[in-house]
């Protein structure tokens, strides 16, 4: 499975690797990676970000289709619909397929970025108690995060996120702290390599802290298109994936 996903990702990136005119208004996506960007899509703009992700857990394999729809309401506010949508889980010889909960949320720009100032936004999401079969959630969950975009120079950037969530581990709902950080390197405007990490204060109601590392590349072959591939693994905890691979795309309509 890993080989197939990586091979498909390489094909997508190779197909996207054609010369194109540089543009000062390239698409900015919240995928891939563990931290979201502070950038907003802009008033009247909609953007779709989706992909395919495979995860190896203790005793099971998961595949799902993460998707995020963003709609610019004003210059500083965008509406967001986000979730893992169609999901499938293989436990032993039994495969379970269904729909995962989908969130309603918003990103609000607090400080819009320019040449000298980092961009700062707040992202809030609410997941209703919804889902089908084994993917159903019995509790309303959600999270709030402060996100920052900081361009250190023309090639290097930092993207920290910090906040908290109200989560559901299948047994009960619980509060937990969240942190993520992305380090990006762009040898040219349309190509970005990154590594990032996430930290969760506790991963379950009776659990401990969890950490995950991730790395990958995103490429923008056209002004409104992005393709990406990433992979990562947990380094602490039990509920996060032991390993995962993801490929995806983002499309912006202006």
Foldseek 3Di string as FASTA:
>chain_A
DVVVQVVVQVVVVVVLPDDDDDDPQFDDAQDDDDFGALDAQAAAKKKKKKWWKWFAAVQKIKIFIWIKIWHHNHRFKIKIKTDRAWMWMQGPNDIDIWGAWIKTWMKGWPAPDDPPDKTKIKIKIWTCQDMDDPRGHPHIKIWMKIWIWADPDPFKIKIKIWTKMFDGPPPDTDIKIKIKMKIWGDPDDFKIWIKMKMKIQADHPPGGIWMKIKIWMKGGSDRFKIKIKMKIAIDDTRPDGRIMIMIIMMGMDD
